[in-house]
Amino acid sequence: MNLISIPLAIQVVIDDAGWWTGRSSVSENGPWRTGINRDHHPLDYVAIAELGKQLGMRPQASFILSEWDLTDRLRALPDATYLGEKWRNPWKSSPLLKEAAAIIRNENRFIEVGLHGIGHEYWGNGGVMERAEWHDVHGNMRPRESVIAHLEAFAEILEENDLGPFPESFVATAHQHHYGAGEKGLAFILEQFGVKYHSLPFEGMPRSKQPESELFGFDGPLIAVNRGADLIFWDVIEPEVSGKITGPICGMHWPNLLHSDPERNGEVVSRWVKLLEPHQNQFDTMLAANTAEGFSQVVYHSEVSFKADSSGCYLDFSKLSGLKSKPPGLLNYFTIKVKNNVRIVSASKEIELVENGQLSTKEYKTLVVKRKNDTNSAYINWSLEGN
């Protein structure tokens, strides 16, 4: 009976926020940036926030922070930039940084700062640029001491610009990552800095183990969610937005949200809103409020089974209860949608139900299910109107 769903949550993940220079300089031993023919503007951050406001969600923007370095501290980290020990940040005195930082702080409910990297690439082998910052293209992690130094520098640059706490979410630069590499891998280092979630395309990724499903996996202590393929090529600015979102992430790169004229960014934002908004109201999908809720919802969507009939619904949590260790990022609540001809009578003591009236519609009620313990099952008693 199609009376209940555990909807698939869709989170927006935007790569390469944080650059100020738009043009890539690969031919000059520099990094891949956003690849556009203009520099970035504070209004480009307004675009991210506006997308979040119109959709009622907090998009994840994964940041590159080298061009936010106010003190040229990256001279001491020569593998992080193309200038090595000669690094001088050309943007450090620009008033645009303070203007953009204020937008990021003031619009914090609609911009989630994620970890992407410092300089996007790696210059540790004789100062020659290699892809990418955290792993090479064969899945070999950069030297551990370098990885930790990059993460520490990211934290320091965040703090000196007052951009908020260290991110809980991560997107590997160039999507180069070794999945399931064990305690010596990147996932366990990231956990030490407070990261709980990461996303990348699962197809073709180097791996030492298989993900738990096509949608997600537990990469050590982190929840990893399959990004799949983006709808728009990475450096296309002011795109005509079209296509079908089939997985838990609507991935894009920053130019895909922007216009050549920053004053007209809102035109592109509106195109994405038109594409994404219907997913909030479909019975089997929803838009993620943020990464923590969205990625947790993906796990519950995949791992919780249920059987429903005219008298109620049995929820089976045995796959989650059987985990050797619970990932720190897995929240103890998730969302269900129940058709409006269902009247909830009661629920077993293992769960608590709270309606989210803002997301309920004429077709269904939206309920938050809070798990009170790690038992294997719970039951929702209901009756059907007209019975």
Protein backbone atom coordinates (compact mmCIF):
# COMPACT_ATOMS: atom_id res chain seq x y z
CA MET A 1 0.00 0.00 0.00
CA ASN A 2 1.45 3.36 -1.05
CA LEU A 3 0.62 5.09 2.23
CA ILE A 4 4.08 5.96 3.53
CA SER A 5 7.49 6.86 2.16
CA ILE A 6 10.95 7.52 3.56
CA PRO A 7 11.76 10.12 0.92
CA LEU A 8 15.17 10.45 -0.68
CA ALA A 9 16.72 13.76 0.39
CA ILE A 10 18.48 15.87 -2.24
CA GLN A 11 21.26 18.20 -1.17
CA VAL A 12 22.82 20.89 -3.37
CA VAL A 13 26.64 20.71 -3.38
CA ILE A 14 28.54 23.56 -5.05
CA ASP A 15 32.26 23.10 -5.75
CA ASP A 16 34.98 25.77 -5.94
CA ALA A 17 33.45 28.60 -3.93
CA GLY A 18 36.14 30.82 -2.42
CA TRP A 19 38.19 31.60 -5.50
CA TRP A 20 38.49 35.29 -6.34
CA THR A 21 40.39 34.88 -9.60
CA GLY A 22 38.12 33.21 -12.12
CA ARG A 23 40.61 32.25 -14.80
CA SER A 24 42.46 28.96 -14.48
CA SER A 25 46.23 29.15 -15.00
CA VAL A 26 47.17 25.54 -15.72
CA SER A 27 49.41 26.53 -18.64
CA GLU A 28 51.45 28.62 -16.19
CA ASN A 29 51.81 25.81 -13.62
CA GLY A 30 48.87 27.29 -11.73
CA PRO A 31 45.62 25.73 -10.51
CA TRP A 32 42.32 24.93 -12.06
CA ARG A 33 40.02 27.61 -10.66
CA THR A 34 36.42 28.22 -11.71
CA GLY A 35 37.39 28.69 -15.35
CA ILE A 36 35.38 31.83 -16.07
CA ASN A 37 36.42 35.06 -17.78
CA ARG A 38 35.71 37.36 -14.88
CA ASP A 39 36.80 37.62 -11.29
CA HIS A 40 34.38 36.71 -8.55
CA HIS A 41 32.26 39.20 -6.65
CA PRO A 42 30.46 39.26 -3.28
CA LEU A 43 27.21 38.99 -5.22
CA ASP A 44 28.31 35.48 -6.17
CA TYR A 45 27.86 34.54 -2.51
CA VAL A 46 24.48 36.24 -2.45
CA ALA A 47 23.51 33.84 -5.27
CA ILE A 48 24.20 30.81 -3.06
CA ALA A 49 22.19 32.30 -0.20
CA GLU A 50 19.33 33.23 -2.51
CA LEU A 51 19.13 29.68 -3.83
CA GLY A 52 18.88 28.46 -0.23
CA LYS A 53 16.24 31.01 0.73
CA GLN A 54 13.99 30.27 -2.22
CA LEU A 55 14.22 26.51 -1.67
CA GLY A 56 14.12 26.55 2.15
CA MET A 57 17.43 24.74 2.45
CA ARG A 58 21.12 25.28 3.22
CA PRO A 59 23.20 24.48 0.12
CA GLN A 60 26.71 23.20 0.74
CA ALA A 61 29.42 25.35 -0.83
CA SER A 62 32.84 23.68 -0.76
CA PHE A 63 35.55 26.33 -0.38
CA ILE A 64 39.06 26.90 -1.72
CA LEU A 65 40.80 29.33 0.63
CA SER A 66 44.22 30.28 -0.76
CA GLU A 67 42.95 33.63 -2.02
CA TRP A 68 41.58 34.41 1.45
CA ASP A 69 45.06 34.21 2.98
CA LEU A 70 45.45 37.61 4.70
CA THR A 71 48.99 37.17 6.03
CA ASP A 72 50.69 35.14 3.28
CA ARG A 73 50.99 32.25 5.73
CA LEU A 74 50.97 29.83 2.78
CA ARG A 75 54.60 30.74 2.03
CA ALA A 76 55.36 28.23 4.78
CA LEU A 77 53.33 25.59 2.91
CA PRO A 78 55.00 25.60 -0.53
CA ASP A 79 53.18 22.54 -1.88
CA ALA A 80 49.83 24.37 -1.49
CA THR A 81 50.24 27.11 -4.14
CA TYR A 82 51.87 27.54 -7.51
CA LEU A 83 54.21 30.24 -6.14
CA GLY A 84 55.56 28.07 -3.33
CA GLU A 85 57.78 30.02 -0.93
CA LYS A 86 57.29 33.14 -3.09
CA TRP A 87 53.54 33.15 -2.42
CA ARG A 88 51.94 36.56 -2.15
CA ASN A 89 48.16 36.62 -2.16
CA PRO A 90 47.12 39.34 -4.62
CA TRP A 91 43.67 39.57 -3.04
CA LYS A 92 44.61 39.97 0.61
CA SER A 93 44.05 43.75 0.67
CA SER A 94 40.86 43.75 -1.35
CA PRO A 95 37.79 45.13 0.47
CA LEU A 96 35.75 42.49 -1.36
CA LEU A 97 36.94 39.85 1.11
CA LYS A 98 35.39 41.63 4.09
CA GLU A 99 32.21 42.29 2.13
CA ALA A 100 31.88 38.65 1.13
CA ALA A 101 32.75 37.42 4.63
CA ALA A 102 29.93 39.52 6.06
CA ILE A 103 27.51 37.95 3.56
CA ILE A 104 28.66 34.44 4.50
CA ARG A 105 28.19 35.20 8.21
CA ASN A 106 24.86 37.01 7.86
CA GLU A 107 23.43 34.38 5.51
CA ASN A 108 24.76 31.44 7.51
CA ARG A 109 21.33 29.75 7.52
CA PHE A 110 21.51 29.54 3.72
CA ILE A 111 25.22 28.96 3.04
CA GLU A 112 26.98 25.91 4.47
CA VAL A 113 30.75 26.33 4.23
CA GLY A 114 32.33 23.04 3.20
CA LEU A 115 35.95 21.93 2.96
CA HIS A 116 37.36 21.67 -0.55
CA GLY A 117 40.99 22.73 -0.22
CA ILE A 118 43.69 25.39 -0.11
CA GLY A 119 44.96 25.62 -3.69
CA HIS A 120 42.99 22.80 -5.35
CA GLU A 121 46.15 21.12 -6.72
CA TYR A 122 49.49 19.87 -5.34
CA TRP A 123 52.96 21.33 -5.93
CA GLY A 124 55.01 19.02 -3.70
CA ASN A 125 57.16 17.34 -6.34
CA GLY A 126 59.65 19.99 -7.40
CA GLY A 127 56.99 22.70 -7.53
CA VAL A 128 55.27 21.16 -10.56
CA MET A 129 51.49 21.20 -10.44
CA GLU A 130 49.83 17.80 -10.06
CA ARG A 131 46.19 16.86 -9.67
CA ALA A 132 44.97 16.99 -7.00
CA GLU A 133 45.40 18.41 -3.50
CA TRP A 134 44.46 15.39 -1.34
CA HIS A 135 45.13 12.43 -3.65
CA ASP A 136 46.77 11.88 -7.01
CA VAL A 137 44.76 10.54 -9.94
CA HIS A 138 45.62 6.95 -8.95
CA GLY A 139 44.15 7.30 -5.47
CA ASN A 140 47.43 7.71 -3.61
CA MET A 141 47.07 10.09 -0.67
CA ARG A 142 49.49 12.99 -0.40
CA PRO A 143 52.03 12.72 2.44
CA ARG A 144 50.26 12.63 5.78
CA GLU A 145 52.18 15.60 7.18
CA SER A 146 51.22 17.64 4.12
CA VAL A 147 47.55 16.70 4.44
CA ILE A 148 47.48 17.73 8.11
CA ALA A 149 49.30 20.99 7.34
CA HIS A 150 46.73 21.84 4.65
CA LEU A 151 43.85 21.16 7.04
CA GLU A 152 45.48 23.28 9.74
CA ALA A 153 46.00 26.11 7.25
CA PHE A 154 42.36 25.85 6.17
CA ALA A 155 41.31 26.24 9.81
CA GLU A 156 43.60 29.25 10.30
CA ILE A 157 42.37 31.06 7.19
CA LEU A 158 38.76 30.39 8.18
CA GLU A 159 39.43 31.91 11.59
CA GLU A 160 41.27 35.01 10.39
CA ASN A 161 38.38 35.82 8.03
CA ASP A 162 35.71 34.89 10.61
CA LEU A 163 34.05 32.48 8.21
CA GLY A 164 32.75 30.12 10.89
CA PRO A 165 33.81 26.82 12.45
CA PHE A 166 35.69 24.07 10.65
CA PRO A 167 33.31 22.38 8.18
CA GLU A 168 31.60 19.07 8.81
CA SER A 169 31.37 18.41 5.06
CA PHE A 170 34.12 17.69 2.52
CA VAL A 171 34.43 17.47 -1.26
CA ALA A 172 37.78 16.23 -2.57
CA THR A 173 39.35 18.50 -5.16
CA ALA A 174 39.00 17.13 -8.70
CA HIS A 175 36.96 14.39 -6.94
CA GLN A 176 40.20 12.46 -6.35
CA HIS A 177 39.77 10.29 -3.26
CA HIS A 178 40.60 6.76 -2.11
CA TYR A 179 37.46 5.25 -0.59
CA GLY A 180 37.75 2.84 2.33
CA ALA A 181 41.51 3.27 2.73
CA GLY A 182 41.43 2.37 6.43
CA GLU A 183 42.90 4.11 9.45
CA LYS A 184 45.84 5.47 7.47
CA GLY A 185 43.51 7.01 4.89
CA LEU A 186 42.19 10.54 4.52
CA ALA A 187 38.77 9.84 6.07
CA PHE A 188 40.24 9.19 9.52
CA ILE A 189 42.39 12.33 9.32
CA LEU A 190 39.36 14.38 8.34
CA GLU A 191 37.43 13.01 11.31
CA GLN A 192 40.07 14.44 13.64
CA PHE A 193 39.21 17.90 12.30
CA GLY A 194 35.45 17.39 12.80
CA VAL A 195 34.46 16.29 9.29
CA LYS A 196 31.52 13.86 9.25
CA TYR A 197 30.32 13.83 5.62
CA HIS A 198 31.78 13.73 2.15
CA SER A 199 30.50 13.23 -1.35
CA LEU A 200 32.00 12.20 -4.66
CA PRO A 201 30.98 10.25 -7.76
CA PHE A 202 31.23 6.57 -6.85
CA GLU A 203 31.75 5.42 -10.44
CA GLY A 204 35.42 4.86 -11.16
CA MET A 205 36.70 5.94 -7.72
CA PRO A 206 39.71 4.09 -6.28
CA ARG A 207 38.46 1.95 -3.42
CA SER A 208 39.60 -0.64 -0.91
CA LYS A 209 36.05 -1.73 -0.12
CA GLN A 210 32.62 -1.53 -1.66
CA PRO A 211 30.12 1.12 -0.52
CA GLU A 212 27.11 -0.16 1.39
CA SER A 213 24.78 0.79 -1.48
CA GLU A 214 24.66 2.69 -4.76
CA LEU A 215 23.62 5.82 -2.84
CA PHE A 216 25.95 5.88 0.17
CA GLY A 217 28.69 4.16 2.07
CA PHE A 218 30.57 4.37 5.35
CA ASP A 219 34.08 5.55 4.49
CA GLY A 220 35.65 4.79 7.85
CA PRO A 221 33.88 7.15 10.28
CA LEU A 222 32.43 9.35 7.51
CA ILE A 223 29.13 9.10 5.69
CA ALA A 224 29.95 9.20 1.97
CA VAL A 225 27.16 9.95 -0.49
CA ASN A 226 27.28 9.23 -4.21
CA ARG A 227 27.28 12.48 -6.16
CA GLY A 228 26.71 10.84 -9.52
CA ALA A 229 27.11 13.07 -12.58
CA ASP A 230 26.50 16.82 -12.55
CA LEU A 231 23.88 18.18 -14.93
CA ILE A 232 26.10 21.01 -16.22
CA PHE A 233 29.77 20.95 -17.28
CA TRP A 234 31.99 22.44 -14.57
CA ASP A 235 32.96 25.80 -16.13
CA VAL A 236 29.68 26.72 -17.86
CA ILE A 237 28.45 30.10 -16.64
CA GLU A 238 24.80 31.27 -16.94
CA PRO A 239 23.65 27.84 -18.18
CA GLU A 240 20.24 26.88 -19.45
CA VAL A 241 19.38 24.53 -16.59
CA SER A 242 17.76 21.24 -17.55
CA GLY A 243 17.98 17.53 -16.84
CA LYS A 244 16.77 15.05 -14.27
CA ILE A 245 18.12 14.61 -10.76
CA THR A 246 18.16 10.89 -10.04
CA GLY A 247 20.26 10.67 -6.87
CA PRO A 248 20.73 12.34 -3.49
CA ILE A 249 22.98 15.19 -4.70
CA CYS A 250 22.44 18.00 -7.15
CA GLY A 251 26.11 18.69 -7.81
CA MET A 252 27.40 21.76 -9.58
CA HIS A 253 30.39 24.05 -9.78
CA TRP A 254 30.12 27.68 -8.77
CA PRO A 255 29.96 29.11 -12.34
CA ASN A 256 26.84 27.00 -12.98
CA LEU A 257 24.93 29.21 -10.51
CA LEU A 258 26.25 32.52 -11.82
CA HIS A 259 25.84 35.06 -14.64
CA SER A 260 28.60 36.84 -16.53
CA ASP A 261 27.15 40.00 -14.98
CA PRO A 262 27.04 39.44 -11.19
CA GLU A 263 24.06 41.79 -10.97
CA ARG A 264 22.09 39.23 -12.99
CA ASN A 265 23.01 36.14 -10.95
CA GLY A 266 19.40 35.96 -9.80
CA GLU A 267 18.31 34.95 -13.31
CA VAL A 268 20.40 31.78 -13.09
CA VAL A 269 19.34 31.10 -9.50
CA SER A 270 15.71 31.16 -10.67
CA ARG A 271 16.45 28.46 -13.25
CA TRP A 272 17.81 26.15 -10.56
CA VAL A 273 14.87 26.88 -8.28
CA LYS A 274 12.49 25.90 -11.06
CA LEU A 275 14.32 22.59 -11.51
CA LEU A 276 14.71 21.73 -7.82
CA GLU A 277 11.51 22.99 -6.19
CA PRO A 278 9.24 20.17 -7.42
CA HIS A 279 11.34 17.61 -5.56
CA GLN A 280 10.19 19.07 -2.24
CA ASN A 281 6.57 18.23 -2.99
CA GLN A 282 6.95 14.79 -4.50
CA PHE A 283 5.92 11.91 -2.23
CA ASP A 284 9.20 10.00 -2.56
CA THR A 285 11.71 12.89 -2.51
CA MET A 286 12.48 15.97 -0.44
CA LEU A 287 15.05 18.77 -0.35
CA ALA A 288 17.66 18.47 2.38
CA ALA A 289 17.55 21.15 5.06
CA ASN A 290 21.35 20.82 5.31
CA THR A 291 24.06 18.23 4.76
CA ALA A 292 23.73 16.56 8.18
CA GLU A 293 19.99 15.98 7.80
CA GLY A 294 20.23 15.23 4.09
CA PHE A 295 23.00 12.63 4.28
CA SER A 296 21.42 11.00 7.35
CA GLN A 297 18.12 10.83 5.48
CA VAL A 298 19.87 9.03 2.61
CA VAL A 299 21.05 6.35 5.06
CA TYR A 300 17.57 5.90 6.56
CA HIS A 301 16.00 5.89 3.08
CA SER A 302 18.36 3.09 2.04
CA GLU A 303 18.60 1.01 5.21
CA VAL A 304 15.18 1.18 6.91
CA SER A 305 12.55 -1.14 5.50
CA PHE A 306 8.87 -0.98 6.30
CA LYS A 307 5.64 -2.92 5.87
CA ALA A 308 2.40 -0.98 5.85
CA ASP A 309 -1.23 -2.05 5.84
CA SER A 310 -4.58 -0.53 6.83
CA SER A 311 -3.83 -0.72 10.57
CA GLY A 312 -0.28 0.60 10.70
CA CYS A 313 3.35 0.37 9.66
CA TYR A 314 6.21 -1.77 10.92
CA LEU A 315 9.65 -0.09 10.69
CA ASP A 316 12.70 -2.36 10.55
CA PHE A 317 15.95 -0.74 11.80
CA SER A 318 17.97 -3.96 12.02
CA LYS A 319 20.52 -2.93 9.38
CA LEU A 320 21.38 0.18 11.38
CA SER A 321 21.25 -1.49 14.78
CA GLY A 322 23.71 -4.09 13.51
CA LEU A 323 26.45 -1.56 12.72
CA LYS A 324 29.71 -2.25 14.58
CA SER A 325 30.07 1.47 15.25
CA LYS A 326 27.62 4.25 14.55
CA PRO A 327 29.06 7.00 12.30
CA PRO A 328 29.15 10.24 14.34
CA GLY A 329 27.32 12.07 11.55
CA LEU A 330 24.24 9.82 11.56
CA LEU A 331 21.44 11.76 13.24
CA ASN A 332 18.89 9.96 15.40
CA TYR A 333 15.92 11.24 13.40
CA PHE A 334 14.61 11.13 9.85
CA THR A 335 11.59 12.21 7.80
CA ILE A 336 8.63 10.24 6.53
CA LYS A 337 5.67 11.25 4.41
CA VAL A 338 2.25 9.74 5.12
CA LYS A 339 -0.81 10.10 2.90
CA ASN A 340 -3.51 12.37 4.29
CA ASN A 341 -6.13 9.62 4.43
CA VAL A 342 -4.05 8.11 7.24
CA ARG A 343 -4.85 9.11 10.84
CA ILE A 344 -1.97 8.42 13.22
CA VAL A 345 -3.27 6.78 16.40
CA SER A 346 -0.09 6.01 18.33
CA ALA A 347 3.52 4.91 17.99
CA SER A 348 5.55 2.37 19.92
CA LYS A 349 7.85 3.63 22.69
CA GLU A 350 10.99 3.28 20.55
CA ILE A 351 10.12 6.35 18.45
CA GLU A 352 8.57 9.80 18.72
CA LEU A 353 6.57 11.39 15.89
CA VAL A 354 6.37 15.14 15.28
CA GLU A 355 4.60 16.67 12.30
CA ASN A 356 6.47 19.25 10.22
CA GLY A 357 3.47 21.32 9.22
CA GLN A 358 5.48 23.61 6.93
CA LEU A 359 6.34 20.68 4.67
CA SER A 360 2.95 18.95 4.79
CA THR A 361 0.71 19.28 1.72
CA LYS A 362 -2.86 18.51 0.67
CA GLU A 363 -1.64 15.06 -0.39
CA TYR A 364 0.46 14.01 2.60
CA LYS A 365 1.66 14.81 6.10
CA THR A 366 5.40 15.24 6.69
CA LEU A 367 6.55 13.71 9.99
CA VAL A 368 9.89 13.60 11.77
CA VAL A 369 10.63 10.21 13.32
CA LYS A 370 12.98 10.39 16.30
CA ARG A 371 14.62 7.15 17.40
CA LYS A 372 14.91 6.90 21.18
CA ASN A 373 17.24 3.89 21.22
CA ASP A 374 18.96 1.36 18.96
CA THR A 375 16.29 -1.31 18.97
CA ASN A 376 15.63 -3.21 15.77
CA SER A 377 12.06 -2.13 15.11
CA ALA A 378 9.16 0.19 15.88
CA TYR A 379 5.48 0.36 15.01
CA ILE A 380 3.13 3.17 14.00
CA ASN A 381 -0.57 2.54 14.61
CA TRP A 382 -2.99 4.29 12.27
CA SER A 383 -6.47 4.07 10.80
CA LEU A 384 -7.65 4.91 7.31
CA GLU A 385 -10.40 7.43 6.73
CA GLY A 386 -13.59 5.72 5.55
CA ASN A 387 -12.73 2.41 7.23
